[in-house]
């Protein structure tokens, strides 16, 4: 997903930077406000940031000759929203460009739009759609994470297609080609990532449910419902 330094023409680099900057500005203001409001949110912010950094740094080779990786943005998107996630994702992508040679500075705007903004927007839309329904919250987490991951690669394919349209078929053919390359590994990878993040969310529900309620991620009743179900299906100790 990380578009490397120098791969996009300067005009497209500038455009993606201009799209990303308002999200970063608003996200920075929101981040400062939430930290001032309650510093108890800092550990969860740290967990969200660590997952984005670690998962998105795992470059896995594809049978097509490209590489793929998880994005890790689903948890942050549900807990803190799109704008704060864009800041976290932007910082992660900056460090990866400087320290790991993943992506680049000129293409940082494009990489932020796909992984730190576009993917989270899609994931957040799924979250808002399912939040107040009877759908199990772990299924919601699974779907949010998988959609955020896949949409990241759809946007990346679109960015590449706009910069390098095919001679025959133009942008559409180029987009189909790029996404077909990514999809071979990214679809199963999105499913695995969604399972992992659902398990992580289950851990947070078990040890720190009150912070999820304070952030209004899910209601007290929704959290208690899944905890009761877990207690019922877990065999009694010693039985």
Protein backbone atom coordinates (compact mmCIF):
# COMPACT_ATOMS: atom_id res chain seq x y z
CA UNK A 1 0.00 0.00 0.00
CA UNK A 2 2.84 2.42 0.77
CA UNK A 3 3.46 4.25 -2.51
CA UNK A 4 7.21 4.75 -2.65
CA UNK A 5 9.08 8.02 -2.87
CA UNK A 6 9.17 9.50 -6.37
CA UNK A 7 6.61 7.11 -7.84
CA UNK A 8 3.78 9.67 -8.25
CA UNK A 9 4.06 12.79 -10.43
CA UNK A 10 4.46 16.04 -8.47
CA UNK A 11 0.98 17.31 -9.35
CA UNK A 12 -0.73 14.25 -7.89
CA UNK A 13 1.49 14.37 -4.80
CA UNK A 14 0.39 17.96 -4.21
CA UNK A 15 -3.29 17.15 -4.72
CA UNK A 16 -3.27 14.29 -2.18
CA UNK A 17 -1.41 16.47 0.32
CA UNK A 18 -4.03 19.21 -0.05
CA UNK A 19 -6.80 16.67 0.58
CA UNK A 20 -5.03 15.21 3.63
CA UNK A 21 -4.06 18.45 5.40
CA UNK A 22 -7.57 19.52 6.57
CA UNK A 23 -8.06 16.10 8.18
CA UNK A 24 -4.71 16.39 9.95
CA UNK A 25 -5.52 19.91 11.18
CA UNK A 26 -8.98 19.02 12.52
CA UNK A 27 -7.65 15.75 13.95
CA UNK A 28 -4.87 17.56 15.82
CA UNK A 29 -7.40 19.90 17.43
CA UNK A 30 -9.65 16.97 18.38
CA UNK A 31 -6.69 15.04 19.78
CA UNK A 32 -5.61 17.94 21.97
CA UNK A 33 -9.17 18.40 23.20
CA UNK A 34 -9.69 14.75 24.14
CA UNK A 35 -6.36 14.58 25.99
CA UNK A 36 -7.19 17.74 27.93
CA UNK A 37 -10.62 16.34 28.74
CA UNK A 38 -9.38 13.08 30.26
CA UNK A 39 -5.81 11.74 30.26
CA UNK A 40 -7.24 8.29 30.96
CA UNK A 41 -7.67 8.01 27.20
CA UNK A 42 -3.88 8.06 26.66
CA UNK A 43 -3.30 4.30 27.17
CA UNK A 44 -6.01 3.45 24.62
CA UNK A 45 -4.57 6.02 22.21
CA UNK A 46 -1.22 4.31 22.68
CA UNK A 47 -2.71 0.88 21.97
CA UNK A 48 -4.43 2.16 18.81
CA UNK A 49 -1.23 3.82 17.61
CA UNK A 50 0.87 0.73 18.30
CA UNK A 51 -1.50 -1.51 16.35
CA UNK A 52 -1.46 0.81 13.35
CA UNK A 53 2.33 1.05 13.42
CA UNK A 54 3.04 -2.65 13.93
CA UNK A 55 0.41 -4.07 11.59
CA UNK A 56 1.03 -1.60 8.77
CA UNK A 57 4.78 -2.27 8.98
CA UNK A 58 4.29 -5.98 8.26
CA UNK A 59 5.01 -6.08 4.54
CA UNK A 60 3.95 -9.46 3.19
CA UNK A 61 5.06 -10.53 -0.31
CA UNK A 62 2.33 -11.34 -2.79
CA UNK A 63 2.31 -14.08 -5.41
CA UNK A 64 1.75 -11.30 -7.93
CA UNK A 65 5.13 -9.73 -7.16
CA UNK A 66 3.74 -6.84 -5.09
CA UNK A 67 3.41 -6.71 -1.31
CA UNK A 68 0.53 -6.17 1.08
CA UNK A 69 0.07 -5.45 4.76
CA UNK A 70 -2.67 -4.93 7.34
CA UNK A 71 -3.59 -1.36 8.24
CA UNK A 72 -4.71 -1.62 11.88
CA UNK A 73 -6.94 1.46 11.70
CA UNK A 74 -10.24 -0.20 12.66
CA UNK A 75 -9.83 0.05 16.45
CA UNK A 76 -8.82 3.72 16.40
CA UNK A 77 -11.64 4.56 14.00
CA UNK A 78 -14.29 3.20 16.35
CA UNK A 79 -12.75 4.60 19.53
CA UNK A 80 -11.65 8.06 18.38
CA UNK A 81 -13.18 8.71 14.96
CA UNK A 82 -11.80 9.52 11.53
CA UNK A 83 -9.98 12.77 12.25
CA UNK A 84 -7.91 11.55 15.22
CA UNK A 85 -7.19 8.34 13.32
CA UNK A 86 -5.90 10.45 10.42
CA UNK A 87 -3.38 12.08 12.77
CA UNK A 88 -2.28 8.76 14.26
CA UNK A 89 -2.04 7.19 10.82
CA UNK A 90 -0.17 10.20 9.44
CA UNK A 91 2.42 10.04 12.23
CA UNK A 92 2.83 6.30 11.70
CA UNK A 93 3.32 6.74 7.95
CA UNK A 94 5.83 9.54 8.53
CA UNK A 95 7.95 7.40 10.86
CA UNK A 96 7.72 4.44 8.50
CA UNK A 97 8.88 6.61 5.59
CA UNK A 98 11.82 7.99 7.58
CA UNK A 99 12.90 4.89 9.48
CA UNK A 100 11.70 1.87 7.49
CA UNK A 101 11.74 3.17 3.89
CA UNK A 102 8.04 2.31 3.62
CA UNK A 103 6.50 4.96 1.39
CA UNK A 104 8.00 8.42 1.04
CA UNK A 105 7.65 12.06 2.00
CA UNK A 106 6.37 13.29 -1.36
CA UNK A 107 3.84 10.45 -1.47
CA UNK A 108 2.94 10.78 2.21
CA UNK A 109 -0.23 12.71 1.33
CA UNK A 110 -1.41 9.94 -1.00
CA UNK A 111 -0.62 7.26 1.58
CA UNK A 112 -2.48 9.21 4.28
CA UNK A 113 -5.54 9.62 2.06
CA UNK A 114 -5.72 5.88 1.46
CA UNK A 115 -4.74 4.36 4.82
CA UNK A 116 -5.29 7.09 7.40
CA UNK A 117 -8.35 8.81 5.91
CA UNK A 118 -10.21 6.87 3.20
CA UNK A 119 -10.09 3.47 4.89
CA UNK A 120 -11.19 4.87 8.28
CA UNK A 121 -14.05 6.83 6.66
CA UNK A 122 -15.40 3.62 5.13
CA UNK A 123 -14.90 1.72 8.38
CA UNK A 124 -16.58 4.47 10.39
CA UNK A 125 -19.57 4.40 8.04
CA UNK A 126 -19.99 0.67 8.77
CA UNK A 127 -19.58 1.33 12.49
CA UNK A 128 -22.28 4.03 12.53
CA UNK A 129 -24.57 1.81 10.47
CA UNK A 130 -24.30 -1.12 12.90
CA UNK A 131 -23.61 0.60 16.22
CA UNK A 132 -27.19 0.87 17.50
CA UNK A 133 -28.46 -2.38 16.04
CA UNK A 134 -28.70 -5.87 17.50
CA UNK A 135 -25.59 -6.99 15.62
CA UNK A 136 -23.01 -8.47 18.00
CA UNK A 137 -20.35 -5.85 18.75
CA UNK A 138 -17.53 -8.25 17.82
CA UNK A 139 -19.07 -8.77 14.40
CA UNK A 140 -19.24 -4.98 14.07
CA UNK A 141 -15.54 -4.71 14.95
CA UNK A 142 -14.74 -7.44 12.43
CA UNK A 143 -16.62 -5.72 9.61
CA UNK A 144 -15.26 -2.25 10.41
CA UNK A 145 -11.68 -3.53 10.37
CA UNK A 146 -12.05 -5.59 7.20
CA UNK A 147 -13.76 -2.78 5.29
CA UNK A 148 -11.19 -0.17 6.39
CA UNK A 149 -8.41 -2.47 5.21
CA UNK A 150 -9.93 -3.26 1.83
CA UNK A 151 -10.99 0.30 1.05
CA UNK A 152 -7.43 1.45 1.74
CA UNK A 153 -6.24 -0.69 -1.14
CA UNK A 154 -9.13 0.35 -3.37
CA UNK A 155 -8.11 3.98 -2.89
CA UNK A 156 -4.44 3.20 -3.44
CA UNK A 157 -5.34 1.44 -6.69
CA UNK A 158 -7.36 4.51 -7.71
CA UNK A 159 -4.45 6.85 -6.90
CA UNK A 160 -2.10 4.77 -9.01
CA UNK A 161 -4.62 4.51 -11.84
CA UNK A 162 -5.12 8.27 -11.96
CA UNK A 163 -1.36 8.82 -12.18
CA UNK A 164 -0.80 6.03 -14.70
CA UNK A 165 -3.90 5.39 -16.82
CA UNK A 166 -3.68 2.48 -19.25
CA UNK A 167 -3.22 3.30 -22.92
CA UNK A 168 -6.26 1.15 -23.66
CA UNK A 169 -9.17 1.58 -21.30
CA UNK A 170 -7.68 4.49 -19.37
CA UNK A 171 -8.15 4.90 -15.62
CA UNK A 172 -10.75 2.12 -15.26
CA UNK A 173 -8.52 -0.56 -16.83
CA UNK A 174 -5.52 0.63 -14.85
CA UNK A 175 -7.54 0.59 -11.60
CA UNK A 176 -8.76 -2.96 -12.28
CA UNK A 177 -5.21 -4.09 -12.94
CA UNK A 178 -3.76 -2.53 -9.80
CA UNK A 179 -6.53 -3.78 -7.53
CA UNK A 180 -6.40 -7.29 -9.00
CA UNK A 181 -2.72 -7.39 -8.04
CA UNK A 182 -3.45 -6.30 -4.47
CA UNK A 183 -6.60 -8.40 -4.00
CA UNK A 184 -4.83 -11.78 -4.21
CA UNK A 185 -3.28 -11.29 -0.79
CA UNK A 186 -5.26 -8.37 0.63
CA UNK A 187 -8.70 -10.02 0.86
CA UNK A 188 -7.52 -12.93 3.05
CA UNK A 189 -5.24 -10.53 4.93
CA UNK A 190 -8.18 -8.24 5.72
CA UNK A 191 -10.09 -11.21 7.14
CA UNK A 192 -7.15 -12.21 9.35
CA UNK A 193 -6.66 -8.63 10.54
CA UNK A 194 -10.37 -8.34 11.36
CA UNK A 195 -10.21 -11.51 13.47
CA UNK A 196 -7.16 -10.23 15.35
CA UNK A 197 -8.72 -6.83 16.07
CA UNK A 198 -11.97 -8.46 17.22
CA UNK A 199 -9.95 -10.48 19.74
CA UNK A 200 -8.11 -7.35 20.88
CA UNK A 201 -11.43 -5.56 21.31
CA UNK A 202 -12.72 -8.51 23.35
CA UNK A 203 -9.71 -8.10 25.64
CA UNK A 204 -10.47 -4.40 26.11
CA UNK A 205 -14.12 -5.22 26.87
CA UNK A 206 -12.99 -7.65 29.56
CA UNK A 207 -10.42 -5.46 31.30
CA UNK A 208 -11.49 -1.87 30.64
CA UNK A 209 -15.15 -1.69 29.52
CA UNK A 210 -15.72 1.66 31.23
CA UNK A 211 -13.42 3.52 28.86
CA UNK A 212 -15.41 2.24 25.88
CA UNK A 213 -18.58 3.50 27.56
CA UNK A 214 -17.02 6.92 28.29
CA UNK A 215 -16.02 7.23 24.64
CA UNK A 216 -19.51 6.05 23.65
CA UNK A 217 -18.02 3.38 21.41
CA UNK A 218 -20.81 1.05 22.50
CA UNK A 219 -23.47 1.41 25.16
CA UNK A 220 -23.29 -0.14 28.62
CA UNK A 221 -26.13 -2.52 27.70
CA UNK A 222 -24.36 -3.71 24.53
CA UNK A 223 -21.13 -4.38 26.41
CA UNK A 224 -22.88 -6.14 29.27
CA UNK A 225 -24.82 -8.29 26.83
CA UNK A 226 -21.69 -9.76 25.24
CA UNK A 227 -20.05 -10.20 28.63
CA UNK A 228 -23.05 -12.17 29.90
CA UNK A 229 -23.02 -14.34 26.77
CA UNK A 230 -19.31 -15.02 27.25
CA UNK A 231 -19.89 -16.05 30.87
CA UNK A 232 -22.68 -18.40 29.82
CA UNK A 233 -20.63 -20.16 27.13
CA UNK A 234 -17.47 -20.36 29.23
CA UNK A 235 -17.45 -23.65 31.16
CA UNK A 236 -17.57 -23.18 34.90
CA UNK A 237 -14.18 -23.61 36.53
CA UNK A 238 -13.68 -27.16 37.66
CA UNK A 239 -16.70 -28.55 35.79
